[in-house]
Every structure is written in C-alpha cells, then in structure tokens.
C-alpha cells in the first residue's frame, strides 16, 4: 500500500471519528442547544419586543438627584407597593436597585421573583409594575434557574451547565469544520 493510500485511510478514519463525535454529542445535547438557541434569540430581541420582554423605563418628575427621596424612603415605598398593589404573598427582599438619573426613576428588583417596580425618585410614587421576563429567560439561558429553584447559593449548576455547553459548542465547531474541510483536503490530494 502506498503512502498516499495510507494517508487517505487515516484521514477517512479521522473523519468517521469526528462524524460520530459530532452526531452523538448533537443527539445527547439537542434539547439543551435548542433551549440555548431560543432563549438567546429572545434575549437578542428583548429591547425590540415593545415592552413584552423588557419593560420601557418610565420617567419621574425630576432628574435632579438633590430632589430625590432617600434610598430608605424609596425602599419602604417599593415594599409597600409590592405588598399592596401587586401581591402581599411575594417576598420583599430587594435584590438590587437600579438608579436612572436621566429618567428621575429608581427600579427595585426582588430576589425570589421576577417582579420589578419603577418609582419616581422625587415623589416615591409608583410609575410601573413589570414582570422581568428577560431576567427569567436569561436564567433559563445560562442554567441559573436550576440554582434558584434548588436553592444552590454557590451557582454550581450554572457553572457546570455553561462549562458543558461551552465545551460542546467548541467541540461542534472543531468537528463541524473538519467534516467540511476534511473531504475537500482528501479530494485535493487525489
């Protein structure tokens, strides 16, 4: 057998291995790739969803921070509105507060649910109640939704999930490229 035939046989063997790895990995991770693709698409469109995935930011009466209420007063108002205007059964632990100085608005986000409240920073009045659909989609996208529902504070599922998905995507890229390039290379050597 000539060196050229041996080389072609080795290349053909490598192609068969790459094809099998590509096929098996795709079959095993199909549902996860599907979820990542759909949620990624939705996240890419969140600002263009006409407020459905990401609510618009409402304006307060003053962008001058010297006219604003204290953070403590605004927080108390947010908790009051959450209990009285949204759902008294929701937890009131604040996850973060987004200040929007140019809008004169403060947004309160809570830890265990996807409700957010926009308050006028000067008056403390409720401007808007929103469901943070984009945050929910992002948690599905990166796997942190599992950490949240199983109360895994370390985020270990998200780390595992993103590692597996990232490595699988890298493997798909390499094997997919070789499945495209390998036959071209073999034909060129004829």
N, C-alpha and C. Protein backbone atom coordinates (compact mmCIF):
# COMPACT_ATOMS: atom_id res chain seq x y z
N UNK A 1 0.85 -1.18 0.00
CA UNK A 1 0.00 0.00 0.00
C UNK A 1 0.89 1.24 0.00
N UNK A 2 0.55 2.22 -0.80
CA UNK A 2 1.37 3.42 -0.92
C UNK A 2 1.11 4.37 0.25
N UNK A 3 2.04 5.31 0.43
CA UNK A 3 1.90 6.33 1.48
C UNK A 3 0.65 7.16 1.28
N UNK A 4 0.33 7.43 0.01
CA UNK A 4 -0.85 8.24 -0.28
C UNK A 4 -2.12 7.51 0.14
N UNK A 5 -2.21 6.22 -0.11
CA UNK A 5 -3.39 5.44 0.28
C UNK A 5 -3.50 5.36 1.81
N UNK A 6 -2.35 5.16 2.48
CA UNK A 6 -2.35 5.12 3.94
C UNK A 6 -2.81 6.45 4.52
N UNK A 7 -2.35 7.53 3.93
CA UNK A 7 -2.73 8.86 4.38
C UNK A 7 -4.23 9.09 4.21
N UNK A 8 -4.76 8.67 3.06
CA UNK A 8 -6.20 8.81 2.80
C UNK A 8 -7.00 7.95 3.78
N UNK A 9 -6.53 6.78 4.10
CA UNK A 9 -7.23 5.90 5.05
C UNK A 9 -7.24 6.52 6.45
N UNK A 10 -6.10 7.10 6.86
CA UNK A 10 -6.04 7.78 8.17
C UNK A 10 -7.01 8.96 8.20
N UNK A 11 -7.01 9.74 7.12
CA UNK A 11 -7.93 10.89 7.05
C UNK A 11 -9.38 10.42 7.09
N UNK A 12 -9.68 9.34 6.37
CA UNK A 12 -11.05 8.81 6.36
C UNK A 12 -11.44 8.33 7.76
N UNK A 13 -10.50 7.71 8.47
CA UNK A 13 -10.77 7.24 9.83
C UNK A 13 -11.05 8.42 10.76
N UNK A 14 -10.23 9.46 10.63
CA UNK A 14 -10.43 10.67 11.45
C UNK A 14 -11.80 11.27 11.16
N UNK A 15 -12.17 11.32 9.89
CA UNK A 15 -13.48 11.85 9.52
C UNK A 15 -14.61 11.03 10.13
N UNK A 16 -14.49 9.70 10.12
CA UNK A 16 -15.51 8.85 10.71
C UNK A 16 -15.62 9.10 12.22
N UNK A 17 -14.49 9.24 12.89
CA UNK A 17 -14.50 9.52 14.33
C UNK A 17 -15.15 10.88 14.60
N UNK A 18 -14.76 11.89 13.85
CA UNK A 18 -15.33 13.23 14.05
C UNK A 18 -16.83 13.22 13.77
N UNK A 19 -17.25 12.50 12.74
CA UNK A 19 -18.67 12.42 12.41
C UNK A 19 -19.44 11.77 13.56
N UNK A 20 -18.88 10.72 14.12
CA UNK A 20 -19.55 10.03 15.23
C UNK A 20 -19.62 10.93 16.46
N UNK A 21 -18.51 11.59 16.81
CA UNK A 21 -18.49 12.50 17.96
C UNK A 21 -19.51 13.62 17.74
N UNK A 22 -19.53 14.17 16.54
CA UNK A 22 -20.46 15.26 16.20
C UNK A 22 -21.92 14.78 16.35
N UNK A 23 -22.21 13.61 15.82
CA UNK A 23 -23.56 13.06 15.84
C UNK A 23 -24.00 12.72 17.28
N UNK A 24 -23.15 12.04 18.03
CA UNK A 24 -23.50 11.61 19.39
C UNK A 24 -23.67 12.83 20.30
N UNK A 25 -22.74 13.77 20.22
CA UNK A 25 -22.83 14.97 21.05
C UNK A 25 -24.10 15.75 20.71
N UNK A 26 -24.39 15.86 19.42
CA UNK A 26 -25.60 16.56 18.99
C UNK A 26 -26.85 15.89 19.50
N UNK A 27 -26.88 14.57 19.45
CA UNK A 27 -28.06 13.83 19.93
C UNK A 27 -28.23 13.98 21.44
N UNK A 28 -27.12 13.90 22.18
CA UNK A 28 -27.21 13.98 23.64
C UNK A 28 -27.59 15.39 24.13
N UNK A 29 -27.12 16.39 23.44
CA UNK A 29 -27.33 17.77 23.91
C UNK A 29 -28.35 18.55 23.08
N UNK A 30 -29.09 17.85 22.23
CA UNK A 30 -30.04 18.53 21.33
C UNK A 30 -30.97 19.47 22.08
N UNK A 31 -31.63 18.99 23.11
CA UNK A 31 -32.63 19.80 23.81
C UNK A 31 -31.98 21.03 24.46
N UNK A 32 -30.75 20.87 24.97
CA UNK A 32 -30.06 22.00 25.59
C UNK A 32 -29.64 23.03 24.55
N UNK A 33 -29.16 22.57 23.39
CA UNK A 33 -28.82 23.51 22.31
C UNK A 33 -30.08 24.23 21.83
N UNK A 34 -31.19 23.52 21.76
CA UNK A 34 -32.45 24.12 21.35
C UNK A 34 -32.85 25.23 22.33
N UNK A 35 -32.76 24.94 23.63
CA UNK A 35 -33.11 25.93 24.66
C UNK A 35 -32.18 27.13 24.58
N UNK A 36 -30.88 26.89 24.46
CA UNK A 36 -29.92 28.00 24.38
C UNK A 36 -30.18 28.85 23.14
N UNK A 37 -30.50 28.21 22.01
CA UNK A 37 -30.76 28.96 20.78
C UNK A 37 -32.01 29.83 20.90
N UNK A 38 -33.10 29.25 21.40
CA UNK A 38 -34.36 30.01 21.52
C UNK A 38 -34.21 31.15 22.52
N UNK A 39 -33.65 30.86 23.70
CA UNK A 39 -33.51 31.92 24.71
C UNK A 39 -32.51 32.99 24.25
N UNK A 40 -31.46 32.58 23.57
CA UNK A 40 -30.51 33.57 23.03
C UNK A 40 -31.16 34.49 22.02
N UNK A 41 -32.00 33.92 21.17
CA UNK A 41 -32.74 34.71 20.18
C UNK A 41 -33.66 35.71 20.89
N UNK A 42 -34.39 35.23 21.89
CA UNK A 42 -35.28 36.13 22.64
C UNK A 42 -34.51 37.24 23.34
N UNK A 43 -33.36 36.90 23.94
CA UNK A 43 -32.56 37.92 24.63
C UNK A 43 -32.02 38.95 23.64
N UNK A 44 -31.68 38.51 22.45
CA UNK A 44 -31.22 39.44 21.43
C UNK A 44 -32.30 40.43 21.01
N UNK A 45 -33.54 40.01 21.10
CA UNK A 45 -34.66 40.85 20.67
C UNK A 45 -35.36 41.57 21.83
N UNK A 46 -34.86 41.42 23.06
CA UNK A 46 -35.60 41.94 24.22
C UNK A 46 -35.88 43.44 24.14
N UNK A 47 -34.95 44.22 23.64
CA UNK A 47 -35.17 45.68 23.57
C UNK A 47 -36.11 46.06 22.44
N UNK A 48 -36.38 45.13 21.54
CA UNK A 48 -37.27 45.40 20.42
C UNK A 48 -38.58 44.62 20.54
N UNK A 49 -38.95 44.27 21.77
CA UNK A 49 -40.16 43.46 21.98
C UNK A 49 -41.37 44.30 22.36
N UNK A 50 -41.28 45.61 22.20
CA UNK A 50 -42.38 46.53 22.52
C UNK A 50 -42.84 46.39 23.97
N UNK A 51 -41.86 46.19 24.86
CA UNK A 51 -42.16 46.13 26.29
C UNK A 51 -42.55 44.78 26.83
N UNK A 52 -42.66 43.77 25.98
CA UNK A 52 -43.09 42.46 26.47
C UNK A 52 -41.98 41.75 27.23
N UNK A 53 -40.77 41.71 26.67
CA UNK A 53 -39.66 41.03 27.34
C UNK A 53 -38.90 41.97 28.28
N UNK A 54 -38.78 43.21 27.89
CA UNK A 54 -38.07 44.20 28.69
C UNK A 54 -38.92 45.47 28.71
N UNK A 55 -39.41 45.81 29.89
CA UNK A 55 -40.30 46.97 30.02
C UNK A 55 -39.55 48.27 29.73
N UNK A 56 -40.27 49.23 29.20
CA UNK A 56 -39.65 50.54 28.98
C UNK A 56 -39.43 51.21 30.33
N UNK A 57 -38.49 52.11 30.38
CA UNK A 57 -38.20 52.86 31.60
C UNK A 57 -39.05 54.13 31.62
N UNK A 58 -39.86 54.26 32.65
CA UNK A 58 -40.73 55.42 32.77
C UNK A 58 -39.97 56.59 33.39
N UNK A 59 -40.51 57.79 33.21
CA UNK A 59 -39.84 58.99 33.71
C UNK A 59 -40.51 59.52 34.97
N UNK A 60 -39.63 59.92 35.90
CA UNK A 60 -40.10 60.62 37.09
C UNK A 60 -40.18 62.11 36.79
N UNK A 61 -40.51 62.90 37.81
CA UNK A 61 -40.71 64.34 37.57
C UNK A 61 -39.40 65.14 37.57
N UNK A 62 -38.32 64.57 38.17
CA UNK A 62 -37.08 65.35 38.25
C UNK A 62 -35.85 64.46 38.08
N UNK A 63 -34.97 64.90 37.20
CA UNK A 63 -33.70 64.21 37.02
C UNK A 63 -32.64 64.76 37.97
N UNK A 64 -32.97 65.78 38.74
CA UNK A 64 -32.04 66.37 39.70
C UNK A 64 -32.00 65.51 40.96
N UNK A 65 -30.88 64.85 41.20
CA UNK A 65 -30.78 63.93 42.34
C UNK A 65 -30.95 64.62 43.68
N UNK A 66 -30.69 65.92 43.74
CA UNK A 66 -30.88 66.64 45.01
C UNK A 66 -32.35 66.69 45.42
N UNK A 67 -33.25 66.49 44.45
CA UNK A 67 -34.69 66.49 44.73
C UNK A 67 -35.22 65.10 45.09
N UNK A 68 -34.39 64.12 45.05
CA UNK A 68 -34.84 62.74 45.25
C UNK A 68 -35.03 62.42 46.73
N UNK A 69 -35.90 61.47 46.97
CA UNK A 69 -36.08 60.95 48.32
C UNK A 69 -34.89 60.07 48.68
N UNK A 70 -34.75 59.77 49.96
CA UNK A 70 -33.65 58.90 50.38
C UNK A 70 -33.88 57.47 49.89
N UNK A 71 -32.81 56.72 49.81
CA UNK A 71 -32.89 55.32 49.40
C UNK A 71 -33.78 54.56 50.37
N UNK A 72 -33.68 54.86 51.65
CA UNK A 72 -34.51 54.20 52.66
C UNK A 72 -35.99 54.45 52.41
N UNK A 73 -36.36 55.70 52.14
CA UNK A 73 -37.77 56.03 51.87
C UNK A 73 -38.26 55.36 50.61
N UNK A 74 -37.45 55.39 49.57
CA UNK A 74 -37.83 54.75 48.31
C UNK A 74 -37.99 53.24 48.49
N UNK A 75 -37.09 52.62 49.27
CA UNK A 75 -37.18 51.18 49.52
C UNK A 75 -38.46 50.83 50.27
N UNK A 76 -38.78 51.63 51.28
CA UNK A 76 -40.01 51.39 52.04
C UNK A 76 -41.23 51.52 51.13
N UNK A 77 -41.21 52.52 50.24
CA UNK A 77 -42.32 52.68 49.30
C UNK A 77 -42.42 51.47 48.37
N UNK A 78 -41.29 50.99 47.88
CA UNK A 78 -41.29 49.84 46.97
C UNK A 78 -41.90 48.61 47.65
N UNK A 79 -41.51 48.36 48.88
CA UNK A 79 -42.05 47.21 49.62
C UNK A 79 -43.55 47.39 49.85
N UNK A 80 -43.95 48.61 50.20
CA UNK A 80 -45.37 48.91 50.40
C UNK A 80 -46.17 48.65 49.12
N UNK A 81 -45.69 49.16 47.99
CA UNK A 81 -46.39 48.96 46.71
C UNK A 81 -46.42 47.48 46.32
N UNK A 82 -45.33 46.78 46.59
CA UNK A 82 -45.29 45.35 46.25
C UNK A 82 -46.38 44.61 47.01
N UNK A 83 -46.49 44.89 48.29
CA UNK A 83 -47.50 44.20 49.12
C UNK A 83 -48.93 44.63 48.78
N UNK A 84 -49.12 45.95 48.60
CA UNK A 84 -50.48 46.47 48.43
C UNK A 84 -50.98 46.46 46.99
N UNK A 85 -50.09 46.67 46.03
CA UNK A 85 -50.53 46.82 44.64
C UNK A 85 -50.24 45.60 43.77
N UNK A 86 -49.37 44.71 44.23
CA UNK A 86 -49.00 43.57 43.40
C UNK A 86 -49.49 42.28 44.03
N UNK A 87 -48.81 41.83 45.10
CA UNK A 87 -49.19 40.56 45.75
C UNK A 87 -48.57 40.55 47.14
N UNK A 88 -49.42 40.50 48.15
CA UNK A 88 -48.95 40.52 49.53
C UNK A 88 -48.13 39.28 49.88
N UNK A 89 -48.26 38.21 49.11
CA UNK A 89 -47.54 36.98 49.39
C UNK A 89 -46.12 36.93 48.83
N UNK A 90 -45.75 37.88 48.00
CA UNK A 90 -44.40 37.89 47.42
C UNK A 90 -43.36 38.31 48.46
N UNK A 91 -42.17 37.73 48.36
CA UNK A 91 -41.11 38.13 49.28
C UNK A 91 -40.66 39.55 48.95
N UNK A 92 -40.28 40.26 49.98
CA UNK A 92 -39.94 41.67 49.81
C UNK A 92 -38.43 41.93 49.86
N UNK A 93 -37.63 40.89 49.81
CA UNK A 93 -36.18 41.08 49.86
C UNK A 93 -35.73 41.69 48.53
N UNK A 94 -35.10 42.84 48.63
CA UNK A 94 -34.64 43.56 47.43
C UNK A 94 -33.31 42.97 46.98
N UNK A 95 -33.24 42.63 45.72
CA UNK A 95 -32.02 42.09 45.12
C UNK A 95 -31.10 43.22 44.70
N UNK A 96 -31.66 44.18 43.98
CA UNK A 96 -30.85 45.33 43.57
C UNK A 96 -31.76 46.52 43.27
N UNK A 97 -31.13 47.67 43.27
CA UNK A 97 -31.83 48.91 42.98
C UNK A 97 -31.09 49.56 41.82
N UNK A 98 -31.82 49.81 40.74
CA UNK A 98 -31.24 50.48 39.57
C UNK A 98 -31.67 51.94 39.59
N UNK A 99 -30.68 52.82 39.66
CA UNK A 99 -30.96 54.25 39.62
C UNK A 99 -30.83 54.73 38.18
N UNK A 100 -31.82 55.46 37.72
CA UNK A 100 -31.80 56.01 36.37
C UNK A 100 -31.88 57.54 36.49
N UNK A 101 -30.74 58.16 36.74
CA UNK A 101 -30.75 59.61 36.98
C UNK A 101 -31.35 60.42 35.83
N UNK A 102 -31.04 60.02 34.59
CA UNK A 102 -31.56 60.79 33.44
C UNK A 102 -33.08 60.69 33.32
N UNK A 103 -33.67 59.67 33.95
CA UNK A 103 -35.12 59.48 33.89
C UNK A 103 -35.81 59.91 35.19
N UNK A 104 -35.03 60.19 36.24
CA UNK A 104 -35.63 60.54 37.52
C UNK A 104 -36.40 59.37 38.13
N UNK A 105 -35.90 58.16 37.86
CA UNK A 105 -36.61 56.94 38.24
C UNK A 105 -35.66 55.98 38.93
N UNK A 106 -36.24 55.19 39.85
CA UNK A 106 -35.50 54.15 40.54
C UNK A 106 -36.29 52.85 40.35
N UNK A 107 -35.56 51.79 39.98
CA UNK A 107 -36.20 50.49 39.74
C UNK A 107 -35.76 49.53 40.83
N UNK A 108 -36.72 48.86 41.45
CA UNK A 108 -36.46 47.87 42.51
C UNK A 108 -36.71 46.48 41.96
N UNK A 109 -35.71 45.61 42.10
CA UNK A 109 -35.81 44.21 41.68
C UNK A 109 -35.68 43.34 42.91
N UNK A 110 -36.46 42.28 42.95
CA UNK A 110 -36.54 41.44 44.14
C UNK A 110 -35.87 40.09 43.90
N UNK A 111 -35.49 39.42 44.99
CA UNK A 111 -34.65 38.23 44.88
C UNK A 111 -35.37 36.97 44.40
N UNK A 112 -36.54 36.69 44.87
CA UNK A 112 -37.14 35.38 44.64
C UNK A 112 -38.28 35.36 43.62
N UNK A 113 -38.47 36.47 42.94
CA UNK A 113 -39.49 36.52 41.90
C UNK A 113 -39.05 37.53 40.85
N UNK A 114 -39.80 37.60 39.79
CA UNK A 114 -39.41 38.41 38.64
C UNK A 114 -40.24 39.68 38.51
N UNK A 115 -40.64 40.22 39.64
CA UNK A 115 -41.38 41.48 39.65
C UNK A 115 -40.40 42.62 39.90
N UNK A 116 -40.60 43.72 39.19
CA UNK A 116 -39.81 44.92 39.43
C UNK A 116 -40.76 46.11 39.49
N UNK A 117 -40.39 47.08 40.30
CA UNK A 117 -41.20 48.28 40.45
C UNK A 117 -40.37 49.49 40.06
N UNK A 118 -40.97 50.37 39.27
CA UNK A 118 -40.33 51.63 38.92
C UNK A 118 -41.02 52.73 39.71
N UNK A 119 -40.21 53.46 40.48
CA UNK A 119 -40.75 54.54 41.31
C UNK A 119 -40.17 55.88 40.88
N UNK A 120 -40.98 56.90 40.99
CA UNK A 120 -40.50 58.26 40.78
C UNK A 120 -39.53 58.56 41.93
N UNK A 121 -38.31 58.92 41.61
CA UNK A 121 -37.29 59.12 42.63
C UNK A 121 -37.55 60.35 43.50
N UNK A 122 -38.32 61.30 43.00
CA UNK A 122 -38.60 62.52 43.77
C UNK A 122 -39.82 62.39 44.67
N UNK A 123 -40.84 61.71 44.20
CA UNK A 123 -42.09 61.62 44.96
C UNK A 123 -42.27 60.25 45.63
N UNK A 124 -41.59 59.24 45.12
CA UNK A 124 -41.77 57.89 45.63
C UNK A 124 -43.01 57.20 45.09
N UNK A 125 -43.70 57.86 44.15
CA UNK A 125 -44.91 57.29 43.57
C UNK A 125 -44.56 56.14 42.62
N UNK A 126 -45.45 55.17 42.56
CA UNK A 126 -45.29 54.03 41.67
C UNK A 126 -45.54 54.47 40.23
N UNK A 127 -44.55 54.21 39.37
CA UNK A 127 -44.68 54.54 37.95
C UNK A 127 -45.10 53.33 37.12
N UNK A 128 -44.56 52.16 37.48
CA UNK A 128 -44.83 50.98 36.67
C UNK A 128 -44.49 49.71 37.44
N UNK A 129 -45.31 48.69 37.26
CA UNK A 129 -45.04 47.34 37.77
C UNK A 129 -44.72 46.49 36.55
N UNK A 130 -43.60 45.79 36.59
CA UNK A 130 -43.23 44.97 35.44
C UNK A 130 -42.90 43.54 35.86
N UNK A 131 -43.13 42.64 34.95
CA UNK A 131 -42.68 41.27 35.11
C UNK A 131 -41.39 41.17 34.32
N UNK A 132 -40.31 40.78 34.97
CA UNK A 132 -38.98 40.75 34.35
C UNK A 132 -38.83 39.48 33.52
N UNK A 133 -39.51 39.42 32.39
CA UNK A 133 -39.45 38.25 31.52
C UNK A 133 -38.04 38.01 30.98
N UNK A 134 -37.34 39.08 30.65
CA UNK A 134 -35.97 38.94 30.12
C UNK A 134 -35.05 38.32 31.17
N UNK A 135 -35.24 38.66 32.44
CA UNK A 135 -34.43 38.06 33.50
C UNK A 135 -34.72 36.57 33.63
N UNK A 136 -36.00 36.21 33.52
CA UNK A 136 -36.39 34.81 33.57
C UNK A 136 -35.77 34.04 32.40
N UNK A 137 -35.85 34.60 31.21
CA UNK A 137 -35.27 33.97 30.02
C UNK A 137 -33.76 33.83 30.16
N UNK A 138 -33.11 34.86 30.70
CA UNK A 138 -31.65 34.80 30.90
C UNK A 138 -31.28 33.68 31.87
N UNK A 139 -32.07 33.50 32.92
CA UNK A 139 -31.79 32.43 33.89
C UNK A 139 -31.98 31.05 33.25
N UNK A 140 -32.92 30.93 32.34
CA UNK A 140 -33.05 29.67 31.60
C UNK A 140 -31.84 29.50 30.68
N UNK A 141 -31.47 30.57 30.01
CA UNK A 141 -30.37 30.55 29.04
C UNK A 141 -29.05 30.09 29.68
N UNK A 142 -28.75 30.59 30.87
CA UNK A 142 -27.47 30.25 31.50
C UNK A 142 -27.56 29.15 32.56
N UNK A 143 -28.76 28.59 32.76
CA UNK A 143 -28.92 27.49 33.70
C UNK A 143 -29.08 27.89 35.15
N UNK A 144 -28.99 29.17 35.44
CA UNK A 144 -29.09 29.60 36.84
C UNK A 144 -30.50 29.44 37.40
N UNK A 145 -31.47 29.19 36.54
CA UNK A 145 -32.84 28.94 37.01
C UNK A 145 -32.87 27.69 37.89
N UNK A 146 -32.03 26.70 37.58
CA UNK A 146 -31.96 25.47 38.38
C UNK A 146 -31.38 25.79 39.75
N UNK A 147 -30.31 26.60 39.78
CA UNK A 147 -29.73 27.02 41.06
C UNK A 147 -30.78 27.75 41.90
N UNK A 148 -31.58 28.61 41.28
CA UNK A 148 -32.59 29.37 42.01
C UNK A 148 -33.65 28.44 42.59
N UNK A 149 -34.18 27.53 41.78
CA UNK A 149 -35.26 26.66 42.26
C UNK A 149 -34.79 25.61 43.25
N UNK A 150 -33.53 25.20 43.16
CA UNK A 150 -32.99 24.22 44.11
C UNK A 150 -32.25 24.88 45.28
N UNK A 151 -32.28 26.21 45.32
CA UNK A 151 -31.60 26.98 46.37
C UNK A 151 -30.12 26.64 46.47
N UNK A 152 -29.44 26.59 45.36
CA UNK A 152 -27.99 26.34 45.32
C UNK A 152 -27.31 27.71 45.27
N UNK A 153 -26.92 28.19 46.43
CA UNK A 153 -26.37 29.55 46.54
C UNK A 153 -25.04 29.71 45.79
N UNK A 154 -24.28 28.65 45.68
CA UNK A 154 -22.96 28.74 45.06
C UNK A 154 -23.03 28.90 43.55
N UNK A 155 -24.19 28.62 42.94
CA UNK A 155 -24.31 28.70 41.49
C UNK A 155 -23.59 27.58 40.77
N UNK A 156 -23.41 26.46 41.45
CA UNK A 156 -22.62 25.36 40.88
C UNK A 156 -23.29 24.73 39.66
N UNK A 157 -24.63 24.70 39.60
CA UNK A 157 -25.26 24.13 38.42
C UNK A 157 -24.99 25.01 37.20
N UNK A 158 -25.12 26.32 37.38
CA UNK A 158 -24.85 27.25 36.27
C UNK A 158 -23.42 27.06 35.76
N UNK A 159 -22.47 26.94 36.66
CA UNK A 159 -21.08 26.75 36.27
C UNK A 159 -20.91 25.45 35.48
N UNK A 160 -21.50 24.36 35.98
CA UNK A 160 -21.44 23.08 35.30
C UNK A 160 -22.10 23.17 33.92
N UNK A 161 -23.29 23.72 33.88
CA UNK A 161 -24.07 23.82 32.64
C UNK A 161 -23.35 24.65 31.58
N UNK A 162 -22.87 25.83 31.97
CA UNK A 162 -22.19 26.69 30.99
C UNK A 162 -20.87 26.08 30.53
N UNK A 163 -20.20 25.34 31.42
CA UNK A 163 -18.96 24.67 31.02
C UNK A 163 -19.25 23.58 29.99
N UNK A 164 -20.25 22.75 30.27
CA UNK A 164 -20.61 21.67 29.34
C UNK A 164 -21.06 22.26 27.99
N UNK A 165 -21.92 23.25 28.03
CA UNK A 165 -22.43 23.82 26.79
C UNK A 165 -21.33 24.54 26.01
N UNK A 166 -20.46 25.24 26.69
CA UNK A 166 -19.35 25.92 26.02
C UNK A 166 -18.39 24.94 25.38
N UNK A 167 -18.04 23.89 26.11
CA UNK A 167 -17.14 22.88 25.55
C UNK A 167 -17.80 22.12 24.40
N UNK A 168 -19.09 21.86 24.52
CA UNK A 168 -19.82 21.18 23.44
C UNK A 168 -19.85 22.05 22.18
N UNK A 169 -20.07 23.33 22.35
CA UNK A 169 -20.07 24.23 21.20
C UNK A 169 -18.70 24.28 20.55
N UNK A 170 -17.65 24.31 21.37
CA UNK A 170 -16.29 24.28 20.84
C UNK A 170 -16.04 22.97 20.09
N UNK A 171 -16.47 21.86 20.66
CA UNK A 171 -16.32 20.56 20.00
C UNK A 171 -17.10 20.52 18.69
N UNK A 172 -18.32 21.07 18.68
CA UNK A 172 -19.11 21.12 17.45
C UNK A 172 -18.41 21.97 16.39
N UNK A 173 -17.82 23.06 16.80
CA UNK A 173 -17.13 23.93 15.85
C UNK A 173 -15.95 23.21 15.22
N UNK A 174 -15.16 22.54 16.04
CA UNK A 174 -13.97 21.84 15.52
C UNK A 174 -14.38 20.66 14.64
N UNK A 175 -15.28 19.82 15.13
CA UNK A 175 -15.67 18.65 14.33
C UNK A 175 -16.44 19.08 13.09
N UNK A 176 -17.28 20.09 13.21
CA UNK A 176 -18.04 20.58 12.04
C UNK A 176 -17.11 21.13 10.98
N UNK A 177 -16.11 21.89 11.40
CA UNK A 177 -15.14 22.41 10.43
C UNK A 177 -14.42 21.26 9.75
N UNK A 178 -14.00 20.28 10.52
CA UNK A 178 -13.24 19.18 9.93
C UNK A 178 -14.12 18.33 9.01
N UNK A 179 -15.40 18.19 9.35
CA UNK A 179 -16.31 17.45 8.48
C UNK A 179 -16.52 18.19 7.15
N UNK A 180 -16.36 19.48 7.15
CA UNK A 180 -16.44 20.27 5.92
C UNK A 180 -15.10 20.26 5.18
N UNK A 181 -14.03 20.50 5.92
CA UNK A 181 -12.71 20.66 5.31
C UNK A 181 -12.05 19.33 4.94
N UNK A 182 -12.22 18.31 5.77
CA UNK A 182 -11.55 17.03 5.55
C UNK A 182 -11.78 16.43 4.17
N UNK A 183 -13.04 16.32 3.72
CA UNK A 183 -13.27 15.76 2.38
C UNK A 183 -12.66 16.62 1.28
N UNK A 184 -12.65 17.93 1.44
CA UNK A 184 -12.02 18.81 0.44
C UNK A 184 -10.52 18.53 0.37
N UNK A 185 -9.93 18.34 1.53
CA UNK A 185 -8.49 18.06 1.60
C UNK A 185 -8.17 16.70 0.94
N UNK A 186 -9.05 15.71 1.20
CA UNK A 186 -8.83 14.39 0.62
C UNK A 186 -8.95 14.44 -0.91
N UNK A 187 -9.94 15.19 -1.41
CA UNK A 187 -10.12 15.29 -2.86
C UNK A 187 -8.94 16.02 -3.50
N UNK A 188 -8.40 17.00 -2.80
CA UNK A 188 -7.28 17.78 -3.35
C UNK A 188 -6.01 16.92 -3.47
N UNK A 189 -5.88 15.91 -2.62
CA UNK A 189 -4.69 15.06 -2.63
C UNK A 189 -4.77 13.92 -3.64
N UNK A 190 -5.90 13.79 -4.35
CA UNK A 190 -6.04 12.69 -5.34
C UNK A 190 -5.06 12.85 -6.46
